Amino acid sequence: MTFAFLTNKFLVFRTSGNYLREYGKFITFHLSYFMVNLAVLPVLVEFAYMNPVWAQTLFATLVIVSSYFWHSRITFDSSKAPR
């Protein structure tokens, strides 16, 4: 998780400073998705009768797409950084 944070911070969004605030937002996003995944995956498999691999693939795709928008607008938003 730390490597992913540093990669996003320095290579994707290229922000500086605010390490703890950004790291907290980054971890919160991924922890939230993990908790939702724990609840949604069994529902998709047991009640919607989806194949577990396809259900997880669908959920992972949702995480990938939404994480870019979340991190670009909330986690690494340099316009809200204190000056």
PDB file of N, CA and C in Angstrom:
ATOM      1  N   MET A   1       0.830  -1.180   0.000  1.00  0.00           N
ATOM      2  CA  MET A   1       0.000   0.000   0.000  1.00  0.00           C
ATOM      3  C   MET A   1       0.881   1.253   0.000  1.00  0.00           C
ATOM      4  N   THR A   2       1.957   1.216   0.753  1.00  0.00           N
ATOM      5  CA  THR A   2       2.853   2.376   0.800  1.00  0.00           C
ATOM      6  C   THR A   2       3.518   2.607  -0.550  1.00  0.00           C
ATOM      7  N   PHE A   3       3.924   1.525  -1.210  1.00  0.00           N
ATOM      8  CA  PHE A   3       4.535   1.660  -2.530  1.00  0.00           C
ATOM      9  C   PHE A   3       3.529   2.247  -3.522  1.00  0.00           C
ATOM     10  N   ALA A   4       2.288   1.782  -3.465  1.00  0.00           N
ATOM     11  CA  ALA A   4       1.246   2.315  -4.348  1.00  0.00           C
ATOM     12  C   ALA A   4       1.026   3.806  -4.083  1.00  0.00           C
ATOM     13  N   PHE A   5       1.022   4.182  -2.809  1.00  0.00           N
ATOM     14  CA  PHE A   5       0.860   5.597  -2.462  1.00  0.00           C
ATOM     15  C   PHE A   5       1.995   6.427  -3.044  1.00  0.00           C
ATOM     16  N   LEU A   6       3.219   6.001  -2.829  1.00  0.00           N
ATOM     17  CA  LEU A   6       4.370   6.763  -3.322  1.00  0.00           C
ATOM     18  C   LEU A   6       4.395   6.836  -4.846  1.00  0.00           C
ATOM     19  N   THR A   7       4.025   5.757  -5.499  1.00  0.00           N
ATOM     20  CA  THR A   7       3.966   5.745  -6.959  1.00  0.00           C
ATOM     21  C   THR A   7       2.926   6.741  -7.457  1.00  0.00           C
ATOM     22  N   ASN A   8       1.755   6.726  -6.837  1.00  0.00           N
ATOM     23  CA  ASN A   8       0.710   7.679  -7.229  1.00  0.00           C
ATOM     24  C   ASN A   8       1.128   9.108  -6.939  1.00  0.00           C
ATOM     25  N   LYS A   9       1.723   9.324  -5.774  1.00  0.00           N
ATOM     26  CA  LYS A   9       2.093  10.675  -5.360  1.00  0.00           C
ATOM     27  C   LYS A   9       3.152  11.274  -6.277  1.00  0.00           C
ATOM     28  N   PHE A  10       4.193  10.528  -6.559  1.00  0.00           N
ATOM     29  CA  PHE A  10       5.330  11.097  -7.286  1.00  0.00           C
ATOM     30  C   PHE A  10       5.302  10.876  -8.797  1.00  0.00           C
ATOM     31  N   LEU A  11       4.722   9.786  -9.265  1.00  0.00           N
ATOM     32  CA  LEU A  11       4.754   9.499 -10.699  1.00  0.00           C
ATOM     33  C   LEU A  11       3.450   9.826 -11.418  1.00  0.00           C
ATOM     34  N   VAL A  12       2.330   9.682 -10.741  1.00  0.00           N
ATOM     35  CA  VAL A  12       1.048   9.914 -11.419  1.00  0.00           C
ATOM     36  C   VAL A  12       0.564  11.342 -11.201  1.00  0.00           C
ATOM     37  N   PHE A  13       0.416  11.758  -9.944  1.00  0.00           N
ATOM     38  CA  PHE A  13      -0.166  13.065  -9.651  1.00  0.00           C
ATOM     39  C   PHE A  13       0.877  14.141  -9.361  1.00  0.00           C
ATOM     40  N   ARG A  14       2.102  13.750  -9.098  1.00  0.00           N
ATOM     41  CA  ARG A  14       3.241  14.671  -8.919  1.00  0.00           C
ATOM     42  C   ARG A  14       2.966  15.803  -7.924  1.00  0.00           C
ATOM     43  N   THR A  15       2.568  15.418  -6.720  1.00  0.00           N
ATOM     44  CA  THR A  15       2.340  16.416  -5.686  1.00  0.00           C
ATOM     45  C   THR A  15       3.531  16.459  -4.742  1.00  0.00           C
ATOM     46  N   SER A  16       3.607  17.522  -3.959  1.00  0.00           N
ATOM     47  CA  SER A  16       4.666  17.632  -2.961  1.00  0.00           C
ATOM     48  C   SER A  16       4.038  18.005  -1.627  1.00  0.00           C
ATOM     49  N   GLY A  17       4.720  17.647  -0.553  1.00  0.00           N
ATOM     50  CA  GLY A  17       4.219  17.967   0.782  1.00  0.00           C
ATOM     51  C   GLY A  17       2.978  17.173   1.144  1.00  0.00           C
ATOM     52  N   ASN A  18       2.392  17.497   2.285  1.00  0.00           N
ATOM     53  CA  ASN A  18       1.152  16.895   2.775  1.00  0.00           C
ATOM     54  C   ASN A  18       1.196  15.366   2.833  1.00  0.00           C
ATOM     55  N   TYR A  19       2.336  14.794   3.175  1.00  0.00           N
ATOM     56  CA  TYR A  19       2.491  13.343   3.146  1.00  0.00           C
ATOM     57  C   TYR A  19       1.468  12.635   4.026  1.00  0.00           C
ATOM     58  N   LEU A  20       1.333  13.030   5.268  1.00  0.00           N
ATOM     59  CA  LEU A  20       0.439  12.339   6.187  1.00  0.00           C
ATOM     60  C   LEU A  20      -1.026  12.507   5.800  1.00  0.00           C
ATOM     61  N   ARG A  21      -1.424  13.702   5.416  1.00  0.00           N
ATOM     62  CA  ARG A  21      -2.815  13.944   5.017  1.00  0.00           C
ATOM     63  C   ARG A  21      -3.162  13.116   3.775  1.00  0.00           C
ATOM     64  N   GLU A  22      -2.297  13.157   2.778  1.00  0.00           N
ATOM     65  CA  GLU A  22      -2.552  12.402   1.553  1.00  0.00           C
ATOM     66  C   GLU A  22      -2.515  10.896   1.812  1.00  0.00           C
ATOM     67  N   TYR A  23      -1.590  10.463   2.630  1.00  0.00           N
ATOM     68  CA  TYR A  23      -1.488   9.028   2.944  1.00  0.00           C
ATOM     69  C   TYR A  23      -2.745   8.570   3.683  1.00  0.00           C
ATOM     70  N   GLY A  24      -3.234   9.373   4.591  1.00  0.00           N
ATOM     71  CA  GLY A  24      -4.465   9.040   5.310  1.00  0.00           C
ATOM     72  C   GLY A  24      -5.651   8.914   4.374  1.00  0.00           C
ATOM     73  N   LYS A  25      -5.791   9.837   3.449  1.00  0.00           N
ATOM     74  CA  LYS A  25      -6.879   9.778   2.478  1.00  0.00           C
ATOM     75  C   LYS A  25      -6.731   8.571   1.559  1.00  0.00           C
ATOM     76  N   PHE A  26      -5.500   8.269   1.166  1.00  0.00           N
ATOM     77  CA  PHE A  26      -5.226   7.139   0.288  1.00  0.00           C
ATOM     78  C   PHE A  26      -5.606   5.827   0.977  1.00  0.00           C
ATOM     79  N   ILE A  27      -5.153   5.657   2.202  1.00  0.00           N
ATOM     80  CA  ILE A  27      -5.451   4.439   2.963  1.00  0.00           C
ATOM     81  C   ILE A  27      -6.943   4.331   3.241  1.00  0.00           C
ATOM     82  N   THR A  28      -7.583   5.439   3.585  1.00  0.00           N
ATOM     83  CA  THR A  28      -9.018   5.426   3.865  1.00  0.00           C
ATOM     84  C   THR A  28      -9.809   4.970   2.651  1.00  0.00           C
ATOM     85  N   PHE A  29      -9.447   5.468   1.473  1.00  0.00           N
ATOM     86  CA  PHE A  29     -10.132   5.057   0.245  1.00  0.00           C
ATOM     87  C   PHE A  29     -10.031   3.551   0.056  1.00  0.00           C
ATOM     88  N   HIS A  30      -8.821   3.017   0.118  1.00  0.00           N
ATOM     89  CA  HIS A  30      -8.627   1.598  -0.157  1.00  0.00           C
ATOM     90  C   HIS A  30      -9.185   0.710   0.955  1.00  0.00           C
ATOM     91  N   LEU A  31      -9.113   1.140   2.181  1.00  0.00           N
ATOM     92  CA  LEU A  31      -9.709   0.384   3.282  1.00  0.00           C
ATOM     93  C   LEU A  31     -11.231   0.352   3.140  1.00  0.00           C
ATOM     94  N   SER A  32     -11.815   1.462   2.737  1.00  0.00           N
ATOM     95  CA  SER A  32     -13.264   1.521   2.521  1.00  0.00           C
ATOM     96  C   SER A  32     -13.694   0.555   1.431  1.00  0.00           C
ATOM     97  N   TYR A  33     -12.975   0.555   0.320  1.00  0.00           N
ATOM     98  CA  TYR A  33     -13.303  -0.373  -0.756  1.00  0.00           C
ATOM     99  C   TYR A  33     -13.114  -1.822  -0.320  1.00  0.00           C
ATOM    100  N   PHE A  34     -12.122  -2.084   0.491  1.00  0.00           N
ATOM    101  CA  PHE A  34     -11.906  -3.440   0.993  1.00  0.00           C
ATOM    102  C   PHE A  34     -13.102  -3.896   1.832  1.00  0.00           C
ATOM    103  N   MET A  35     -13.582  -3.021   2.699  1.00  0.00           N
ATOM    104  CA  MET A  35     -14.729  -3.356   3.547  1.00  0.00           C
ATOM    105  C   MET A  35     -15.993  -3.566   2.702  1.00  0.00           C
ATOM    106  N   VAL A  36     -16.195  -2.712   1.703  1.00  0.00           N
ATOM    107  CA  VAL A  36     -17.352  -2.875   0.813  1.00  0.00           C
ATOM    108  C   VAL A  36     -17.228  -4.186   0.042  1.00  0.00           C
ATOM    109  N   ASN A  37     -16.028  -4.501  -0.394  1.00  0.00           N
ATOM    110  CA  ASN A  37     -15.791  -5.748  -1.121  1.00  0.00           C
ATOM    111  C   ASN A  37     -16.146  -6.960  -0.262  1.00  0.00           C
ATOM    112  N   LEU A  38     -15.797  -6.911   1.019  1.00  0.00           N
ATOM    113  CA  LEU A  38     -16.132  -8.021   1.921  1.00  0.00           C
ATOM    114  C   LEU A  38     -17.637  -8.236   2.013  1.00  0.00           C
ATOM    115  N   ALA A  39     -18.410  -7.180   1.882  1.00  0.00           N
ATOM    116  CA  ALA A  39     -19.863  -7.297   1.962  1.00  0.00           C
ATOM    117  C   ALA A  39     -20.495  -7.632   0.610  1.00  0.00           C
ATOM    118  N   VAL A  40     -19.992  -7.032  -0.467  1.00  0.00           N
ATOM    119  CA  VAL A  40     -20.628  -7.158  -1.775  1.00  0.00           C
ATOM    120  C   VAL A  40     -20.295  -8.472  -2.475  1.00  0.00           C
ATOM    121  N   LEU A  41     -19.067  -8.927  -2.380  1.00  0.00           N
ATOM    122  CA  LEU A  41     -18.664 -10.132  -3.106  1.00  0.00           C
ATOM    123  C   LEU A  41     -19.512 -11.348  -2.734  1.00  0.00           C
ATOM    124  N   PRO A  42     -19.745 -11.631  -1.447  1.00  0.00           N
ATOM    125  CA  PRO A  42     -20.616 -12.775  -1.127  1.00  0.00           C
ATOM    126  C   PRO A  42     -22.042 -12.615  -1.656  1.00  0.00           C
ATOM    127  N   VAL A  43     -22.541 -11.391  -1.680  1.00  0.00           N
ATOM    128  CA  VAL A  43     -23.890 -11.148  -2.205  1.00  0.00           C
ATOM    129  C   VAL A  43     -23.932 -11.454  -3.700  1.00  0.00           C
ATOM    130  N   LEU A  44     -22.930 -10.982  -4.431  1.00  0.00           N
ATOM    131  CA  LEU A  44     -22.890 -11.243  -5.870  1.00  0.00           C
ATOM    132  C   LEU A  44     -22.771 -12.734  -6.172  1.00  0.00           C
ATOM    133  N   VAL A  45     -21.999 -13.444  -5.365  1.00  0.00           N
ATOM    134  CA  VAL A  45     -21.778 -14.870  -5.609  1.00  0.00           C
ATOM    135  C   VAL A  45     -22.970 -15.709  -5.151  1.00  0.00           C
ATOM    136  N   GLU A  46     -23.459 -15.473  -3.949  1.00  0.00           N
ATOM    137  CA  GLU A  46     -24.507 -16.323  -3.378  1.00  0.00           C
ATOM    138  C   GLU A  46     -25.912 -15.987  -3.863  1.00  0.00           C
ATOM    139  N   PHE A  47     -26.217 -14.709  -4.035  1.00  0.00           N
ATOM    140  CA  PHE A  47     -27.587 -14.323  -4.377  1.00  0.00           C
ATOM    141  C   PHE A  47     -27.768 -13.960  -5.853  1.00  0.00           C
ATOM    142  N   ALA A  48     -26.739 -13.388  -6.466  1.00  0.00           N
ATOM    143  CA  ALA A  48     -26.821 -13.060  -7.887  1.00  0.00           C
ATOM    144  C   ALA A  48     -26.242 -14.187  -8.743  1.00  0.00           C
ATOM    145  N   TYR A  49     -25.713 -15.217  -8.097  1.00  0.00           N
ATOM    146  CA  TYR A  49     -25.176 -16.412  -8.769  1.00  0.00           C
ATOM    147  C   TYR A  49     -24.091 -16.098  -9.787  1.00  0.00           C
ATOM    148  N   MET A  50     -23.271 -15.103  -9.470  1.00  0.00           N
ATOM    149  CA  MET A  50     -22.138 -14.775 -10.344  1.00  0.00           C
ATOM    150  C   MET A  50     -20.971 -15.679 -10.011  1.00  0.00           C
ATOM    151  N   ASN A  51     -20.177 -15.962 -11.019  1.00  0.00           N
ATOM    152  CA  ASN A  51     -18.933 -16.675 -10.808  1.00  0.00           C
ATOM    153  C   ASN A  51     -18.036 -15.787  -9.947  1.00  0.00           C
ATOM    154  N   PRO A  52     -17.385 -16.331  -8.911  1.00  0.00           N
ATOM    155  CA  PRO A  52     -16.555 -15.496  -8.029  1.00  0.00           C
ATOM    156  C   PRO A  52     -15.468 -14.715  -8.766  1.00  0.00           C
ATOM    157  N   VAL A  53     -14.875 -15.314  -9.782  1.00  0.00           N
ATOM    158  CA  VAL A  53     -13.822 -14.629 -10.539  1.00  0.00           C
ATOM    159  C   VAL A  53     -14.399 -13.423 -11.270  1.00  0.00           C
ATOM    160  N   TRP A  54     -15.561 -13.584 -11.887  1.00  0.00           N
ATOM    161  CA  TRP A  54     -16.179 -12.472 -12.609  1.00  0.00           C
ATOM    162  C   TRP A  54     -16.678 -11.393 -11.653  1.00  0.00           C
ATOM    163  N   ALA A  55     -17.194 -11.811 -10.519  1.00  0.00           N
ATOM    164  CA  ALA A  55     -17.670 -10.839  -9.530  1.00  0.00           C
ATOM    165  C   ALA A  55     -16.503  -9.985  -9.025  1.00  0.00           C
ATOM    166  N   GLN A  56     -15.381 -10.638  -8.725  1.00  0.00           N
ATOM    167  CA  GLN A  56     -14.215  -9.890  -8.240  1.00  0.00           C
ATOM    168  C   GLN A  56     -13.619  -9.033  -9.338  1.00  0.00           C
ATOM    169  N   THR A  57     -13.632  -9.512 -10.569  1.00  0.00           N
ATOM    170  CA  THR A  57     -13.137  -8.727 -11.704  1.00  0.00           C
ATOM    171  C   THR A  57     -13.979  -7.475 -11.897  1.00  0.00           C
ATOM    172  N   LEU A  58     -15.285  -7.620 -11.805  1.00  0.00           N
ATOM    173  CA  LEU A  58     -16.179  -6.474 -11.905  1.00  0.00           C
ATOM    174  C   LEU A  58     -15.893  -5.467 -10.796  1.00  0.00           C
ATOM    175  N   PHE A  59     -15.736  -5.960  -9.589  1.00  0.00           N
ATOM    176  CA  PHE A  59     -15.475  -5.074  -8.460  1.00  0.00           C
ATOM    177  C   PHE A  59     -14.107  -4.406  -8.591  1.00  0.00           C
ATOM    178  N   ALA A  60     -13.106  -5.155  -9.015  1.00  0.00           N
ATOM    179  CA  ALA A  60     -11.762  -4.588  -9.182  1.00  0.00           C
ATOM    180  C   ALA A  60     -11.759  -3.499 -10.250  1.00  0.00           C
ATOM    181  N   THR A  61     -12.521  -3.703 -11.322  1.00  0.00           N
ATOM    182  CA  THR A  61     -12.622  -2.684 -12.366  1.00  0.00           C
ATOM    183  C   THR A  61     -13.244  -1.411 -11.815  1.00  0.00           C
ATOM    184  N   LEU A  62     -14.256  -1.562 -10.997  1.00  0.00           N
ATOM    185  CA  LEU A  62     -14.883  -0.410 -10.354  1.00  0.00           C
ATOM    186  C   LEU A  62     -13.875   0.336  -9.477  1.00  0.00           C
ATOM    187  N   VAL A  63     -13.063  -0.398  -8.737  1.00  0.00           N
ATOM    188  CA  VAL A  63     -12.043   0.215  -7.880  1.00  0.00           C
ATOM    189  C   VAL A  63     -11.013   0.968  -8.721  1.00  0.00           C
ATOM    190  N   ILE A  64     -10.563   0.367  -9.793  1.00  0.00           N
ATOM    191  CA  ILE A  64      -9.542   0.990 -10.635  1.00  0.00           C
ATOM    192  C   ILE A  64     -10.035   2.314 -11.215  1.00  0.00           C
ATOM    193  N   VAL A  65     -11.221   2.297 -11.776  1.00  0.00           N
ATOM    194  CA  VAL A  65     -11.760   3.504 -12.413  1.00  0.00           C
ATOM    195  C   VAL A  65     -12.056   4.586 -11.374  1.00  0.00           C
ATOM    196  N   SER A  66     -12.741   4.201 -10.306  1.00  0.00           N
ATOM    197  CA  SER A  66     -13.125   5.211  -9.316  1.00  0.00           C
ATOM    198  C   SER A  66     -11.925   5.727  -8.526  1.00  0.00           C
ATOM    199  N   SER A  67     -10.897   4.907  -8.354  1.00  0.00           N
ATOM    200  CA  SER A  67      -9.738   5.358  -7.579  1.00  0.00           C
ATOM    201  C   SER A  67      -9.006   6.495  -8.284  1.00  0.00           C
ATOM    202  N   TYR A  68      -8.938   6.448  -9.605  1.00  0.00           N
ATOM    203  CA  TYR A  68      -8.281   7.544 -10.312  1.00  0.00           C
ATOM    204  C   TYR A  68      -9.014   8.864 -10.049  1.00  0.00           C
ATOM    205  N   PHE A  69     -10.325   8.840 -10.191  1.00  0.00           N
ATOM    206  CA  PHE A  69     -11.095  10.064  -9.984  1.00  0.00           C
ATOM    207  C   PHE A  69     -11.050  10.518  -8.529  1.00  0.00           C
ATOM    208  N   TRP A  70     -11.145   9.579  -7.595  1.00  0.00           N
ATOM    209  CA  TRP A  70     -11.072   9.921  -6.169  1.00  0.00           C
ATOM    210  C   TRP A  70      -9.714  10.550  -5.848  1.00  0.00           C
ATOM    211  N   HIS A  71      -8.643   9.890  -6.256  1.00  0.00           N
ATOM    212  CA  HIS A  71      -7.304  10.386  -5.924  1.00  0.00           C
ATOM    213  C   HIS A  71      -6.994  11.701  -6.637  1.00  0.00           C
ATOM    214  N   SER A  72      -7.461  11.869  -7.851  1.00  0.00           N
ATOM    215  CA  SER A  72      -7.168  13.115  -8.561  1.00  0.00           C
ATOM    216  C   SER A  72      -7.951  14.296  -7.994  1.00  0.00           C
ATOM    217  N   ARG A  73      -9.128  14.034  -7.445  1.00  0.00           N
ATOM    218  CA  ARG A  73      -9.970  15.130  -6.961  1.00  0.00           C
ATOM    219  C   ARG A  73      -9.945  15.306  -5.448  1.00  0.00           C
ATOM    220  N   ILE A  74      -9.563  14.280  -4.713  1.00  0.00           N
ATOM    221  CA  ILE A  74      -9.614  14.367  -3.255  1.00  0.00           C
ATOM    222  C   ILE A  74      -8.247  14.123  -2.613  1.00  0.00           C
ATOM    223  N   THR A  75      -7.658  12.977  -2.868  1.00  0.00           N
ATOM    224  CA  THR A  75      -6.407  12.625  -2.185  1.00  0.00           C
ATOM    225  C   THR A  75      -5.258  13.541  -2.576  1.00  0.00           C
ATOM    226  N   PHE A  76      -5.032  13.710  -3.865  1.00  0.00           N
ATOM    227  CA  PHE A  76      -3.880  14.467  -4.348  1.00  0.00           C
ATOM    228  C   PHE A  76      -4.284  15.789  -4.983  1.00  0.00           C
ATOM    229  N   ASP A  77      -5.345  16.393  -4.522  1.00  0.00           N
ATOM    230  CA  ASP A  77      -5.811  17.661  -5.074  1.00  0.00           C
ATOM    231  C   ASP A  77      -4.949  18.804  -4.524  1.00  0.00           C
ATOM    232  N   SER A  78      -4.045  19.281  -5.362  1.00  0.00           N
ATOM    233  CA  SER A  78      -3.105  20.326  -4.908  1.00  0.00           C
ATOM    234  C   SER A  78      -3.765  21.697  -4.804  1.00  0.00           C
ATOM    235  N   SER A  79      -4.951  21.874  -5.382  1.00  0.00           N
ATOM    236  CA  SER A  79      -5.606  23.174  -5.287  1.00  0.00           C
ATOM    237  C   SER A  79      -6.137  23.433  -3.878  1.00  0.00           C
ATOM    238  N   LYS A  80      -6.325  22.382  -3.081  1.00  0.00           N
ATOM    239  CA  LYS A  80      -6.825  22.536  -1.719  1.00  0.00           C
ATOM    240  C   LYS A  80      -5.699  22.522  -0.684  1.00  0.00           C
ATOM    241  N   ALA A  81      -4.495  22.412  -1.142  1.00  0.00           N
ATOM    242  CA  ALA A  81      -3.351  22.338  -0.223  1.00  0.00           C
ATOM    243  C   ALA A  81      -3.138  23.694   0.460  1.00  0.00           C
ATOM    244  N   PRO A  82      -2.849  23.678   1.755  1.00  0.00           N
ATOM    245  CA  PRO A  82      -2.556  24.944   2.440  1.00  0.00           C
ATOM    246  C   PRO A  82      -1.263  25.540   1.912  1.00  0.00           C
ATOM    247  N   ARG A  83      -1.234  26.840   1.843  1.00  0.00           N
ATOM    248  CA  ARG A  83      -0.031  27.518   1.307  1.00  0.00           C
ATOM    249  C   ARG A  83       0.711  28.222   2.404  1.00  0.00           C
TER     250      ARG A  83
END
